[in-house]
Each structure stands twice: as structure tokens, then as C-alpha cells.
Amino acid sequence: MLLTLLDIIAYVLDLMSTLLIVYLVLGLLISFNVVNLHNQFVAAVWRGLSALFEPVLAPIRRVLPDTRPLDLSPMALIVLINIAGIVLSHTSRAIQ
């Protein structure tokens, strides 16, 4: 039972990491005017991803130095998610 729960948590972490990469790339595409928020699909995806990640990224932005043109907080969150995945993997191996 516990191993299944750990597998589900690992899957959610992988999904979060993938969605965070989509958020990062979409933010770059919007800032370089490759896509714009006048497109309803782009705007809906951007709003959804922003609602999901901004509460987590805001505290990270306060800790990181201000690098105005490049936001490093999504990359820092990806590193933290990967560290959590490694800890989770070692925990599941220890339980087996």
C-alpha cells in the first residue's frame, strides 16, 4: 500500500515537472511575442498554469536574486522537484 502511494507521488512530481517546463517555455514564447495572449487557447493555458505555479514560485522568487530579464524560479523549482523525487526513490527502496 505504501509503495503504491509513493509511486503515485512520484508520478505527480513528474507531471508537475513536465507542466513546469511547459509553463517556462510558454512564458518565454509570450515574452518574445512568438505567441500572444489574444489567442484564447494560449490565454487559458497560461492562466491555468499560472494559477497552479505562481503560489509556489512567489516564495522562491523572494529568495533568489533578481535577474530581471530571466526568471530562474521555475528552474529552481524543477531542481527541488527532482531532489524530492530522488528522496522518494531512496525511501521506496529502503521500504522494500
PDB file of N, CA and C in Angstrom:
ATOM      1  N   MET A   1       0.817  -1.188   0.000  1.00  0.00           N
ATOM      2  CA  MET A   1       0.000   0.000   0.000  1.00  0.00           C
ATOM      3  C   MET A   1       0.869   1.264   0.000  1.00  0.00           C
ATOM      4  N   LEU A   2       1.881   1.254   0.857  1.00  0.00           N
ATOM      5  CA  LEU A   2       2.751   2.423   0.955  1.00  0.00           C
ATOM      6  C   LEU A   2       3.572   2.612  -0.317  1.00  0.00           C
ATOM      7  N   LEU A   3       3.994   1.512  -0.933  1.00  0.00           N
ATOM      8  CA  LEU A   3       4.762   1.627  -2.175  1.00  0.00           C
ATOM      9  C   LEU A   3       3.903   2.193  -3.300  1.00  0.00           C
ATOM     10  N   THR A   4       2.631   1.819  -3.338  1.00  0.00           N
ATOM     11  CA  THR A   4       1.725   2.379  -4.342  1.00  0.00           C
ATOM     12  C   THR A   4       1.556   3.876  -4.144  1.00  0.00           C
ATOM     13  N   LEU A   5       1.422   4.298  -2.902  1.00  0.00           N
ATOM     14  CA  LEU A   5       1.299   5.717  -2.599  1.00  0.00           C
ATOM     15  C   LEU A   5       2.558   6.472  -3.013  1.00  0.00           C
ATOM     16  N   LEU A   6       3.719   5.894  -2.759  1.00  0.00           N
ATOM     17  CA  LEU A   6       4.974   6.522  -3.162  1.00  0.00           C
ATOM     18  C   LEU A   6       5.092   6.607  -4.676  1.00  0.00           C
ATOM     19  N   ASP A   7       4.600   5.575  -5.376  1.00  0.00           N
ATOM     20  CA  ASP A   7       4.611   5.608  -6.841  1.00  0.00           C
ATOM     21  C   ASP A   7       3.693   6.704  -7.376  1.00  0.00           C
ATOM     22  N   ILE A   8       2.542   6.888  -6.744  1.00  0.00           N
ATOM     23  CA  ILE A   8       1.618   7.943  -7.161  1.00  0.00           C
ATOM     24  C   ILE A   8       2.241   9.310  -6.929  1.00  0.00           C
ATOM     25  N   ILE A   9       2.887   9.500  -5.795  1.00  0.00           N
ATOM     26  CA  ILE A   9       3.549  10.775  -5.501  1.00  0.00           C
ATOM     27  C   ILE A   9       4.664  11.032  -6.508  1.00  0.00           C
ATOM     28  N   ALA A  10       5.418   9.986  -6.858  1.00  0.00           N
ATOM     29  CA  ALA A  10       6.485  10.140  -7.858  1.00  0.00           C
ATOM     30  C   ALA A  10       5.900  10.530  -9.213  1.00  0.00           C
ATOM     31  N   TYR A  11       4.766   9.942  -9.572  1.00  0.00           N
ATOM     32  CA  TYR A  11       4.110  10.296 -10.833  1.00  0.00           C
ATOM     33  C   TYR A  11       3.648  11.747 -10.824  1.00  0.00           C
ATOM     34  N   VAL A  12       3.077  12.197  -9.724  1.00  0.00           N
ATOM     35  CA  VAL A  12       2.617  13.585  -9.615  1.00  0.00           C
ATOM     36  C   VAL A  12       3.808  14.544  -9.708  1.00  0.00           C
ATOM     37  N   LEU A  13       4.935  14.196  -9.094  1.00  0.00           N
ATOM     38  CA  LEU A  13       6.131  15.033  -9.193  1.00  0.00           C
ATOM     39  C   LEU A  13       6.625  15.115 -10.630  1.00  0.00           C
ATOM     40  N   ASP A  14       6.597  13.997 -11.350  1.00  0.00           N
ATOM     41  CA  ASP A  14       6.988  14.010 -12.762  1.00  0.00           C
ATOM     42  C   ASP A  14       6.037  14.875 -13.589  1.00  0.00           C
ATOM     43  N   LEU A  15       4.752  14.766 -13.316  1.00  0.00           N
ATOM     44  CA  LEU A  15       3.766  15.572 -14.021  1.00  0.00           C
ATOM     45  C   LEU A  15       3.968  17.057 -13.730  1.00  0.00           C
ATOM     46  N   MET A  16       4.233  17.385 -12.475  1.00  0.00           N
ATOM     47  CA  MET A  16       4.499  18.784 -12.115  1.00  0.00           C
ATOM     48  C   MET A  16       5.733  19.311 -12.826  1.00  0.00           C
ATOM     49  N   SER A  17       6.764  18.505 -12.909  1.00  0.00           N
ATOM     50  CA  SER A  17       7.984  18.918 -13.583  1.00  0.00           C
ATOM     51  C   SER A  17       7.726  19.173 -15.067  1.00  0.00           C
ATOM     52  N   THR A  18       6.959  18.310 -15.698  1.00  0.00           N
ATOM     53  CA  THR A  18       6.632  18.483 -17.114  1.00  0.00           C
ATOM     54  C   THR A  18       5.785  19.736 -17.336  1.00  0.00           C
ATOM     55  N   LEU A  19       4.778  19.938 -16.490  1.00  0.00           N
ATOM     56  CA  LEU A  19       3.938  21.127 -16.620  1.00  0.00           C
ATOM     57  C   LEU A  19       4.738  22.399 -16.344  1.00  0.00           C
ATOM     58  N   LEU A  20       5.706  22.313 -15.459  1.00  0.00           N
ATOM     59  CA  LEU A  20       6.545  23.474 -15.170  1.00  0.00           C
ATOM     60  C   LEU A  20       7.421  23.832 -16.363  1.00  0.00           C
ATOM     61  N   ILE A  21       7.893  22.834 -17.082  1.00  0.00           N
ATOM     62  CA  ILE A  21       8.666  23.096 -18.302  1.00  0.00           C
ATOM     63  C   ILE A  21       7.774  23.739 -19.359  1.00  0.00           C
ATOM     64  N   VAL A  22       6.533  23.266 -19.480  1.00  0.00           N
ATOM     65  CA  VAL A  22       5.584  23.887 -20.410  1.00  0.00           C
ATOM     66  C   VAL A  22       5.338  25.338 -20.012  1.00  0.00           C
ATOM     67  N   TYR A  23       5.180  25.598 -18.708  1.00  0.00           N
ATOM     68  CA  TYR A  23       4.977  26.957 -18.199  1.00  0.00           C
ATOM     69  C   TYR A  23       6.174  27.847 -18.523  1.00  0.00           C
ATOM     70  N   LEU A  24       7.366  27.318 -18.344  1.00  0.00           N
ATOM     71  CA  LEU A  24       8.585  28.075 -18.620  1.00  0.00           C
ATOM     72  C   LEU A  24       8.708  28.406 -20.105  1.00  0.00           C
ATOM     73  N   VAL A  25       8.489  27.418 -20.971  1.00  0.00           N
ATOM     74  CA  VAL A  25       8.602  27.637 -22.412  1.00  0.00           C
ATOM     75  C   VAL A  25       7.501  28.576 -22.904  1.00  0.00           C
ATOM     76  N   LEU A  26       6.285  28.392 -22.391  1.00  0.00           N
ATOM     77  CA  LEU A  26       5.194  29.268 -22.809  1.00  0.00           C
ATOM     78  C   LEU A  26       5.451  30.706 -22.368  1.00  0.00           C
ATOM     79  N   GLY A  27       5.998  30.886 -21.178  1.00  0.00           N
ATOM     80  CA  GLY A  27       6.347  32.231 -20.723  1.00  0.00           C
ATOM     81  C   GLY A  27       7.399  32.881 -21.610  1.00  0.00           C
ATOM     82  N   LEU A  28       8.373  32.103 -22.049  1.00  0.00           N
ATOM     83  CA  LEU A  28       9.386  32.643 -22.965  1.00  0.00           C
ATOM     84  C   LEU A  28       8.779  32.984 -24.322  1.00  0.00           C
ATOM     85  N   LEU A  29       7.898  32.124 -24.814  1.00  0.00           N
ATOM     86  CA  LEU A  29       7.254  32.393 -26.102  1.00  0.00           C
ATOM     87  C   LEU A  29       6.372  33.637 -26.035  1.00  0.00           C
ATOM     88  N   ILE A  30       5.705  33.837 -24.911  1.00  0.00           N
ATOM     89  CA  ILE A  30       4.880  35.034 -24.749  1.00  0.00           C
ATOM     90  C   ILE A  30       5.760  36.273 -24.646  1.00  0.00           C
ATOM     91  N   SER A  31       6.847  36.194 -23.892  1.00  0.00           N
ATOM     92  CA  SER A  31       7.692  37.378 -23.714  1.00  0.00           C
ATOM     93  C   SER A  31       8.423  37.776 -24.993  1.00  0.00           C
ATOM     94  N   PHE A  32       8.693  36.827 -25.881  1.00  0.00           N
ATOM     95  CA  PHE A  32       9.339  37.142 -27.153  1.00  0.00           C
ATOM     96  C   PHE A  32       8.333  37.328 -28.283  1.00  0.00           C
ATOM     97  N   ASN A  33       7.053  37.439 -27.952  1.00  0.00           N
ATOM     98  CA  ASN A  33       5.963  37.675 -28.901  1.00  0.00           C
ATOM     99  C   ASN A  33       5.867  36.631 -30.005  1.00  0.00           C
ATOM    100  N   VAL A  34       6.235  35.401 -29.708  1.00  0.00           N
ATOM    101  CA  VAL A  34       6.036  34.314 -30.657  1.00  0.00           C
ATOM    102  C   VAL A  34       4.565  33.896 -30.629  1.00  0.00           C
ATOM    103  N   VAL A  35       4.012  33.806 -29.433  1.00  0.00           N
ATOM    104  CA  VAL A  35       2.574  33.615 -29.253  1.00  0.00           C
ATOM    105  C   VAL A  35       2.082  34.760 -28.376  1.00  0.00           C
ATOM    106  N   ASN A  36       0.794  35.064 -28.476  1.00  0.00           N
ATOM    107  CA  ASN A  36       0.277  36.143 -27.636  1.00  0.00           C
ATOM    108  C   ASN A  36      -0.957  35.681 -26.884  1.00  0.00           C
ATOM    109  N   LEU A  37      -1.322  36.455 -25.907  1.00  0.00           N
ATOM    110  CA  LEU A  37      -2.440  36.102 -25.038  1.00  0.00           C
ATOM    111  C   LEU A  37      -3.793  36.445 -25.658  1.00  0.00           C
ATOM    112  N   HIS A  38      -3.816  36.978 -26.882  1.00  0.00           N
ATOM    113  CA  HIS A  38      -5.080  37.217 -27.577  1.00  0.00           C
ATOM    114  C   HIS A  38      -5.669  35.905 -28.080  1.00  0.00           C
ATOM    115  N   ASN A  39      -4.833  34.900 -28.266  1.00  0.00           N
ATOM    116  CA  ASN A  39      -5.303  33.566 -28.612  1.00  0.00           C
ATOM    117  C   ASN A  39      -5.950  32.970 -27.366  1.00  0.00           C
ATOM    118  N   GLN A  40      -7.210  32.550 -27.466  1.00  0.00           N
ATOM    119  CA  GLN A  40      -7.943  32.077 -26.295  1.00  0.00           C
ATOM    120  C   GLN A  40      -7.335  30.821 -25.693  1.00  0.00           C
ATOM    121  N   PHE A  41      -6.841  29.919 -26.532  1.00  0.00           N
ATOM    122  CA  PHE A  41      -6.237  28.696 -26.011  1.00  0.00           C
ATOM    123  C   PHE A  41      -4.966  29.004 -25.233  1.00  0.00           C
ATOM    124  N   VAL A  42      -4.112  29.846 -25.789  1.00  0.00           N
ATOM    125  CA  VAL A  42      -2.863  30.227 -25.122  1.00  0.00           C
ATOM    126  C   VAL A  42      -3.177  30.930 -23.803  1.00  0.00           C
ATOM    127  N   ALA A  43      -4.159  31.830 -23.829  1.00  0.00           N
ATOM    128  CA  ALA A  43      -4.527  32.555 -22.611  1.00  0.00           C
ATOM    129  C   ALA A  43      -5.066  31.612 -21.547  1.00  0.00           C
ATOM    130  N   ALA A  44      -5.871  30.630 -21.956  1.00  0.00           N
ATOM    131  CA  ALA A  44      -6.430  29.681 -20.988  1.00  0.00           C
ATOM    132  C   ALA A  44      -5.342  28.802 -20.382  1.00  0.00           C
ATOM    133  N   VAL A  45      -4.426  28.326 -21.215  1.00  0.00           N
ATOM    134  CA  VAL A  45      -3.317  27.501 -20.703  1.00  0.00           C
ATOM    135  C   VAL A  45      -2.435  28.329 -19.775  1.00  0.00           C
ATOM    136  N   TRP A  46      -2.154  29.574 -20.163  1.00  0.00           N
ATOM    137  CA  TRP A  46      -1.306  30.439 -19.350  1.00  0.00           C
ATOM    138  C   TRP A  46      -1.953  30.729 -17.995  1.00  0.00           C
ATOM    139  N   ARG A  47      -3.254  31.036 -18.005  1.00  0.00           N
ATOM    140  CA  ARG A  47      -3.953  31.302 -16.738  1.00  0.00           C
ATOM    141  C   ARG A  47      -3.975  30.072 -15.844  1.00  0.00           C
ATOM    142  N   GLY A  48      -4.214  28.910 -16.435  1.00  0.00           N
ATOM    143  CA  GLY A  48      -4.247  27.678 -15.651  1.00  0.00           C
ATOM    144  C   GLY A  48      -2.899  27.342 -15.036  1.00  0.00           C
ATOM    145  N   LEU A  49      -1.851  27.437 -15.838  1.00  0.00           N
ATOM    146  CA  LEU A  49      -0.516  27.142 -15.325  1.00  0.00           C
ATOM    147  C   LEU A  49      -0.059  28.196 -14.319  1.00  0.00           C
ATOM    148  N   SER A  50      -0.427  29.444 -14.558  1.00  0.00           N
ATOM    149  CA  SER A  50      -0.077  30.496 -13.599  1.00  0.00           C
ATOM    150  C   SER A  50      -0.774  30.273 -12.267  1.00  0.00           C
ATOM    151  N   ALA A  51      -2.049  29.893 -12.321  1.00  0.00           N
ATOM    152  CA  ALA A  51      -2.782  29.624 -11.080  1.00  0.00           C
ATOM    153  C   ALA A  51      -2.184  28.437 -10.328  1.00  0.00           C
ATOM    154  N   LEU A  52      -1.640  27.490 -11.060  1.00  0.00           N
ATOM    155  CA  LEU A  52      -1.046  26.307 -10.436  1.00  0.00           C
ATOM    156  C   LEU A  52       0.324  26.600  -9.835  1.00  0.00           C
ATOM    157  N   PHE A  53       1.155  27.366 -10.545  1.00  0.00           N
ATOM    158  CA  PHE A  53       2.548  27.507 -10.128  1.00  0.00           C
ATOM    159  C   PHE A  53       2.906  28.808  -9.426  1.00  0.00           C
ATOM    160  N   GLU A  54       2.168  29.872  -9.646  1.00  0.00           N
ATOM    161  CA  GLU A  54       2.539  31.152  -9.024  1.00  0.00           C
ATOM    162  C   GLU A  54       2.567  31.106  -7.494  1.00  0.00           C
ATOM    163  N   PRO A  55       1.627  30.427  -6.821  1.00  0.00           N
ATOM    164  CA  PRO A  55       1.742  30.364  -5.353  1.00  0.00           C
ATOM    165  C   PRO A  55       3.012  29.661  -4.868  1.00  0.00           C
ATOM    166  N   VAL A  56       3.548  28.766  -5.680  1.00  0.00           N
ATOM    167  CA  VAL A  56       4.777  28.061  -5.300  1.00  0.00           C
ATOM    168  C   VAL A  56       6.011  28.858  -5.711  1.00  0.00           C
ATOM    169  N   LEU A  57       5.928  29.547  -6.848  1.00  0.00           N
ATOM    170  CA  LEU A  57       7.087  30.275  -7.361  1.00  0.00           C
ATOM    171  C   LEU A  57       7.325  31.598  -6.641  1.00  0.00           C
ATOM    172  N   ALA A  58       6.289  32.211  -6.097  1.00  0.00           N
ATOM    173  CA  ALA A  58       6.446  33.521  -5.442  1.00  0.00           C
ATOM    174  C   ALA A  58       7.430  33.481  -4.273  1.00  0.00           C
ATOM    175  N   PRO A  59       7.355  32.500  -3.359  1.00  0.00           N
ATOM    176  CA  PRO A  59       8.355  32.458  -2.283  1.00  0.00           C
ATOM    177  C   PRO A  59       9.773  32.186  -2.793  1.00  0.00           C
ATOM    178  N   ILE A  60       9.888  31.414  -3.865  1.00  0.00           N
ATOM    179  CA  ILE A  60      11.211  31.133  -4.433  1.00  0.00           C
ATOM    180  C   ILE A  60      11.794  32.409  -5.030  1.00  0.00           C
ATOM    181  N   ARG A  61      10.946  33.220  -5.670  1.00  0.00           N
ATOM    182  CA  ARG A  61      11.413  34.489  -6.256  1.00  0.00           C
ATOM    183  C   ARG A  61      11.921  35.448  -5.178  1.00  0.00           C
ATOM    184  N   ARG A  62      11.323  35.399  -3.994  1.00  0.00           N
ATOM    185  CA  ARG A  62      11.783  36.278  -2.916  1.00  0.00           C
ATOM    186  C   ARG A  62      13.167  35.877  -2.418  1.00  0.00           C
ATOM    187  N   VAL A  63      13.501  34.596  -2.518  1.00  0.00           N
ATOM    188  CA  VAL A  63      14.793  34.106  -2.026  1.00  0.00           C
ATOM    189  C   VAL A  63      15.894  34.300  -3.066  1.00  0.00           C
ATOM    190  N   LEU A  64      15.562  34.065  -4.340  1.00  0.00           N
ATOM    191  CA  LEU A  64      16.571  34.159  -5.398  1.00  0.00           C
ATOM    192  C   LEU A  64      16.922  35.618  -5.686  1.00  0.00           C
ATOM    193  N   PRO A  65      18.136  35.863  -6.179  1.00  0.00           N
ATOM    194  CA  PRO A  65      18.490  37.230  -6.583  1.00  0.00           C
ATOM    195  C   PRO A  65      17.672  37.657  -7.805  1.00  0.00           C
ATOM    196  N   ASP A  66      17.497  38.957  -7.953  1.00  0.00           N
ATOM    197  CA  ASP A  66      16.699  39.495  -9.048  1.00  0.00           C
ATOM    198  C   ASP A  66      17.516  39.484 -10.338  1.00  0.00           C
ATOM    199  N   THR A  67      17.158  38.596 -11.243  1.00  0.00           N
ATOM    200  CA  THR A  67      17.755  38.559 -12.581  1.00  0.00           C
ATOM    201  C   THR A  67      16.658  38.974 -13.547  1.00  0.00           C
ATOM    202  N   ARG A  68      16.470  40.256 -13.688  1.00  0.00           N
ATOM    203  CA  ARG A  68      15.300  40.855 -14.329  1.00  0.00           C
ATOM    204  C   ARG A  68      14.893  40.211 -15.658  1.00  0.00           C
ATOM    205  N   PRO A  69      15.755  40.043 -16.624  1.00  0.00           N
ATOM    206  CA  PRO A  69      15.230  39.510 -17.889  1.00  0.00           C
ATOM    207  C   PRO A  69      14.943  38.005 -17.844  1.00  0.00           C
ATOM    208  N   LEU A  70      15.568  37.288 -16.937  1.00  0.00           N
ATOM    209  CA  LEU A  70      15.399  35.836 -16.889  1.00  0.00           C
ATOM    210  C   LEU A  70      14.921  35.429 -15.505  1.00  0.00           C
ATOM    211  N   ASP A  71      13.788  34.739 -15.467  1.00  0.00           N
ATOM    212  CA  ASP A  71      13.231  34.263 -14.205  1.00  0.00           C
ATOM    213  C   ASP A  71      13.791  32.874 -13.912  1.00  0.00           C
ATOM    214  N   LEU A  72      14.581  32.762 -12.864  1.00  0.00           N
ATOM    215  CA  LEU A  72      15.208  31.496 -12.515  1.00  0.00           C
ATOM    216  C   LEU A  72      14.366  30.638 -11.572  1.00  0.00           C
ATOM    217  N   SER A  73      13.254  31.167 -11.092  1.00  0.00           N
ATOM    218  CA  SER A  73      12.464  30.426 -10.114  1.00  0.00           C
ATOM    219  C   SER A  73      11.871  29.122 -10.666  1.00  0.00           C
ATOM    220  N   PRO A  74      11.390  29.043 -11.923  1.00  0.00           N
ATOM    221  CA  PRO A  74      10.917  27.735 -12.407  1.00  0.00           C
ATOM    222  C   PRO A  74      12.037  26.694 -12.461  1.00  0.00           C
ATOM    223  N   MET A  75      13.235  27.123 -12.827  1.00  0.00           N
ATOM    224  CA  MET A  75      14.351  26.175 -12.865  1.00  0.00           C
ATOM    225  C   MET A  75      14.720  25.710 -11.461  1.00  0.00           C
ATOM    226  N   ALA A  76      14.655  26.624 -10.487  1.00  0.00           N
ATOM    227  CA  ALA A  76      14.923  26.244  -9.102  1.00  0.00           C
ATOM    228  C   ALA A  76      13.865  25.271  -8.605  1.00  0.00           C
ATOM    229  N   LEU A  77      12.609  25.487  -8.999  1.00  0.00           N
ATOM    230  CA  LEU A  77      11.546  24.563  -8.586  1.00  0.00           C
ATOM    231  C   LEU A  77      11.721  23.200  -9.231  1.00  0.00           C
ATOM    232  N   ILE A  78      12.179  23.155 -10.477  1.00  0.00           N
ATOM    233  CA  ILE A  78      12.447  21.868 -11.123  1.00  0.00           C
ATOM    234  C   ILE A  78      13.537  21.120 -10.362  1.00  0.00           C
ATOM    235  N   VAL A  79      14.572  21.826  -9.928  1.00  0.00           N
ATOM    236  CA  VAL A  79      15.637  21.195  -9.141  1.00  0.00           C
ATOM    237  C   VAL A  79      15.070  20.653  -7.829  1.00  0.00           C
ATOM    238  N   LEU A  80      14.227  21.425  -7.164  1.00  0.00           N
ATOM    239  CA  LEU A  80      13.624  20.975  -5.907  1.00  0.00           C
ATOM    240  C   LEU A  80      12.717  19.760  -6.122  1.00  0.00           C
ATOM    241  N   ILE A  81      11.962  19.760  -7.222  1.00  0.00           N
ATOM    242  CA  ILE A  81      11.114  18.605  -7.529  1.00  0.00           C
ATOM    243  C   ILE A  81      11.964  17.370  -7.792  1.00  0.00           C
ATOM    244  N   ASN A  82      13.074  17.537  -8.505  1.00  0.00           N
ATOM    245  CA  ASN A  82      13.958  16.401  -8.769  1.00  0.00           C
ATOM    246  C   ASN A  82      14.595  15.884  -7.489  1.00  0.00           C
ATOM    247  N   ILE A  83      14.962  16.774  -6.577  1.00  0.00           N
ATOM    248  CA  ILE A  83      15.510  16.346  -5.288  1.00  0.00           C
ATOM    249  C   ILE A  83      14.458  15.569  -4.507  1.00  0.00           C
ATOM    250  N   ALA A  84      13.213  16.053  -4.529  1.00  0.00           N
ATOM    251  CA  ALA A  84      12.138  15.328  -3.845  1.00  0.00           C
ATOM    252  C   ALA A  84      11.932  13.953  -4.471  1.00  0.00           C
ATOM    253  N   GLY A  85      12.049  13.862  -5.788  1.00  0.00           N
ATOM    254  CA  GLY A  85      11.934  12.568  -6.460  1.00  0.00           C
ATOM    255  C   GLY A  85      13.040  11.608  -6.079  1.00  0.00           C
ATOM    256  N   ILE A  86      14.249  12.112  -5.942  1.00  0.00           N
ATOM    257  CA  ILE A  86      15.374  11.267  -5.525  1.00  0.00           C
ATOM    258  C   ILE A  86      15.163  10.764  -4.101  1.00  0.00           C
ATOM    259  N   VAL A  87      14.748  11.657  -3.212  1.00  0.00           N
ATOM    260  CA  VAL A  87      14.480  11.249  -1.824  1.00  0.00           C
ATOM    261  C   VAL A  87      13.368  10.213  -1.792  1.00  0.00           C
ATOM    262  N   LEU A  88      12.332  10.427  -2.589  1.00  0.00           N
ATOM    263  CA  LEU A  88      11.216   9.491  -2.655  1.00  0.00           C
ATOM    264  C   LEU A  88      11.666   8.132  -3.188  1.00  0.00           C
ATOM    265  N   SER A  89      12.520   8.144  -4.173  1.00  0.00           N
ATOM    266  CA  SER A  89      13.034   6.897  -4.748  1.00  0.00           C
ATOM    267  C   SER A  89      13.854   6.114  -3.717  1.00  0.00           C
ATOM    268  N   HIS A  90      14.712   6.809  -2.992  1.00  0.00           N
ATOM    269  CA  HIS A  90      15.512   6.131  -1.979  1.00  0.00           C
ATOM    270  C   HIS A  90      14.644   5.633  -0.818  1.00  0.00           C
ATOM    271  N   THR A  91      13.597   6.369  -0.515  1.00  0.00           N
ATOM    272  CA  THR A  91      12.687   5.932   0.538  1.00  0.00           C
ATOM    273  C   THR A  91      11.944   4.669   0.126  1.00  0.00           C
ATOM    274  N   SER A  92      11.516   4.608  -1.112  1.00  0.00           N
ATOM    275  CA  SER A  92      10.797   3.410  -1.570  1.00  0.00           C
ATOM    276  C   SER A  92      11.726   2.205  -1.646  1.00  0.00           C
ATOM    277  N   ARG A  93      12.985   2.424  -1.975  1.00  0.00           N
ATOM    278  CA  ARG A  93      13.947   1.306  -1.973  1.00  0.00           C
ATOM    279  C   ARG A  93      14.215   0.820  -0.556  1.00  0.00           C
ATOM    280  N   ALA A  94      14.243   1.732   0.395  1.00  0.00           N
ATOM    281  CA  ALA A  94      14.502   1.351   1.795  1.00  0.00           C
ATOM    282  C   ALA A  94      13.325   0.563   2.357  1.00  0.00           C
ATOM    283  N   ILE A  95      12.124   0.862   1.894  1.00  0.00           N
ATOM    284  CA  ILE A  95      10.946   0.165   2.403  1.00  0.00           C
ATOM    285  C   ILE A  95      10.892  -1.260   1.864  1.00  0.00           C
ATOM    286  N   GLN A  96      11.329  -1.437   0.631  1.00  0.00           N
ATOM    287  CA  GLN A  96      11.271  -2.773   0.026  1.00  0.00           C
ATOM    288  C   GLN A  96      12.213  -3.655   0.763  1.00  0.00           C
TER     289      GLN A  96
END
